[in-house]
């Protein structure tokens, strides 16, 4: 799932090399921390947070498909 978040985020931003995803694994849940260049932060969050919400929805669906739980944190 880390690769999924990484791929989705890289498709949204201009500075693809600055995208970083750290995974904190627990028993049946994971926290993914997404870091992007400050200039691209608005692209990842989107107007009114709609893009961030969509990213979280896709990640949650992928995690549930595997019987897990996942949370996406976008760090600034």
C-alpha atoms as a PDB file:
ATOM      1  CA  UNK A   1       0.000   0.000   0.000  1.00  0.00           C
ATOM      2  CA  UNK A   2       2.989   2.265   0.524  1.00  0.00           C
ATOM      3  CA  UNK A   3       3.687   1.975  -3.208  1.00  0.00           C
ATOM      4  CA  UNK A   4       0.080   2.895  -3.993  1.00  0.00           C
ATOM      5  CA  UNK A   5       0.293   6.109  -1.954  1.00  0.00           C
ATOM      6  CA  UNK A   6       3.674   6.913  -3.474  1.00  0.00           C
ATOM      7  CA  UNK A   7       2.405   6.418  -7.019  1.00  0.00           C
ATOM      8  CA  UNK A   8      -0.765   8.452  -6.489  1.00  0.00           C
ATOM      9  CA  UNK A   9       1.119  11.330  -4.860  1.00  0.00           C
ATOM     10  CA  UNK A  10       3.777  11.417  -7.590  1.00  0.00           C
ATOM     11  CA  UNK A  11       1.066  11.702 -10.214  1.00  0.00           C
ATOM     12  CA  UNK A  12      -0.306  14.809  -8.483  1.00  0.00           C
ATOM     13  CA  UNK A  13       2.855  16.839  -7.865  1.00  0.00           C
ATOM     14  CA  UNK A  14       5.424  18.612 -10.023  1.00  0.00           C
ATOM     15  CA  UNK A  15       8.488  17.776  -7.903  1.00  0.00           C
ATOM     16  CA  UNK A  16       8.210  13.999  -7.963  1.00  0.00           C
ATOM     17  CA  UNK A  17      11.606  13.405  -6.341  1.00  0.00           C
ATOM     18  CA  UNK A  18      10.484  15.194  -3.161  1.00  0.00           C
ATOM     19  CA  UNK A  19       7.628  12.738  -2.507  1.00  0.00           C
ATOM     20  CA  UNK A  20       8.299  10.498   0.479  1.00  0.00           C
ATOM     21  CA  UNK A  21       6.027   7.968   2.191  1.00  0.00           C
ATOM     22  CA  UNK A  22       6.902   6.510   5.578  1.00  0.00           C
ATOM     23  CA  UNK A  23       4.913   3.552   6.859  1.00  0.00           C
ATOM     24  CA  UNK A  24       4.348   2.847  10.529  1.00  0.00           C
ATOM     25  CA  UNK A  25       3.094  -0.721  10.740  1.00  0.00           C
ATOM     26  CA  UNK A  26       1.071  -2.124  13.586  1.00  0.00           C
ATOM     27  CA  UNK A  27      -0.815  -5.418  13.986  1.00  0.00           C
ATOM     28  CA  UNK A  28      -3.705  -4.931  11.589  1.00  0.00           C
ATOM     29  CA  UNK A  29      -3.324  -1.243  10.889  1.00  0.00           C
ATOM     30  CA  UNK A  30      -0.817   1.091   9.297  1.00  0.00           C
ATOM     31  CA  UNK A  31      -0.178   4.812   9.305  1.00  0.00           C
ATOM     32  CA  UNK A  32       1.273   6.281   6.124  1.00  0.00           C
ATOM     33  CA  UNK A  33       2.976   9.656   6.432  1.00  0.00           C
ATOM     34  CA  UNK A  34       3.154  11.522   3.128  1.00  0.00           C
ATOM     35  CA  UNK A  35       5.691  14.309   2.686  1.00  0.00           C
ATOM     36  CA  UNK A  36       5.886  16.472  -0.445  1.00  0.00           C
ATOM     37  CA  UNK A  37       7.647  19.676  -1.446  1.00  0.00           C
ATOM     38  CA  UNK A  38       5.982  22.696   0.204  1.00  0.00           C
ATOM     39  CA  UNK A  39       5.157  24.099  -3.254  1.00  0.00           C
ATOM     40  CA  UNK A  40       3.178  20.935  -4.065  1.00  0.00           C
ATOM     41  CA  UNK A  41       1.304  20.678  -0.765  1.00  0.00           C
ATOM     42  CA  UNK A  42      -1.753  22.426  -2.206  1.00  0.00           C
ATOM     43  CA  UNK A  43      -1.909  19.953  -5.083  1.00  0.00           C
ATOM     44  CA  UNK A  44      -2.002  17.006  -2.679  1.00  0.00           C
ATOM     45  CA  UNK A  45      -4.564  18.563  -0.357  1.00  0.00           C
ATOM     46  CA  UNK A  46      -6.744  20.056  -3.082  1.00  0.00           C
ATOM     47  CA  UNK A  47      -9.449  22.658  -2.859  1.00  0.00           C
ATOM     48  CA  UNK A  48     -11.335  22.165   0.366  1.00  0.00           C
ATOM     49  CA  UNK A  49      -9.323  19.009   1.069  1.00  0.00           C
ATOM     50  CA  UNK A  50     -11.085  17.039  -1.663  1.00  0.00           C
ATOM     51  CA  UNK A  51      -7.911  15.516  -3.114  1.00  0.00           C
ATOM     52  CA  UNK A  52      -6.647  14.483   0.324  1.00  0.00           C
ATOM     53  CA  UNK A  53     -10.020  12.914   1.074  1.00  0.00           C
ATOM     54  CA  UNK A  54      -9.903  10.989  -2.210  1.00  0.00           C
ATOM     55  CA  UNK A  55      -6.395   9.717  -1.433  1.00  0.00           C
ATOM     56  CA  UNK A  56      -7.564   8.553   1.974  1.00  0.00           C
ATOM     57  CA  UNK A  57     -10.601   6.836   0.464  1.00  0.00           C
ATOM     58  CA  UNK A  58      -8.497   4.902  -2.061  1.00  0.00           C
ATOM     59  CA  UNK A  59      -6.020   3.877   0.637  1.00  0.00           C
ATOM     60  CA  UNK A  60      -8.823   2.789   2.971  1.00  0.00           C
ATOM     61  CA  UNK A  61     -10.454   0.706   0.214  1.00  0.00           C
ATOM     62  CA  UNK A  62      -7.151  -1.008  -0.610  1.00  0.00           C
ATOM     63  CA  UNK A  63      -6.499  -1.730   3.069  1.00  0.00           C
ATOM     64  CA  UNK A  64      -9.982  -3.129   3.679  1.00  0.00           C
ATOM     65  CA  UNK A  65      -9.544  -5.382   0.658  1.00  0.00           C
ATOM     66  CA  UNK A  66      -6.607  -6.946   2.504  1.00  0.00           C
ATOM     67  CA  UNK A  67      -8.494  -7.055   5.814  1.00  0.00           C
ATOM     68  CA  UNK A  68      -6.484  -4.225   7.342  1.00  0.00           C
ATOM     69  CA  UNK A  69      -6.926  -0.603   8.340  1.00  0.00           C
ATOM     70  CA  UNK A  70      -4.851   2.309   7.044  1.00  0.00           C
ATOM     71  CA  UNK A  71      -4.575   6.011   7.826  1.00  0.00           C
ATOM     72  CA  UNK A  72      -2.925   8.675   5.666  1.00  0.00           C
ATOM     73  CA  UNK A  73      -1.261  11.670   7.306  1.00  0.00           C
ATOM     74  CA  UNK A  74      -0.095  14.483   5.028  1.00  0.00           C
ATOM     75  CA  UNK A  75       2.820  16.233   6.693  1.00  0.00           C
ATOM     76  CA  UNK A  76       3.804  19.820   5.997  1.00  0.00           C
END
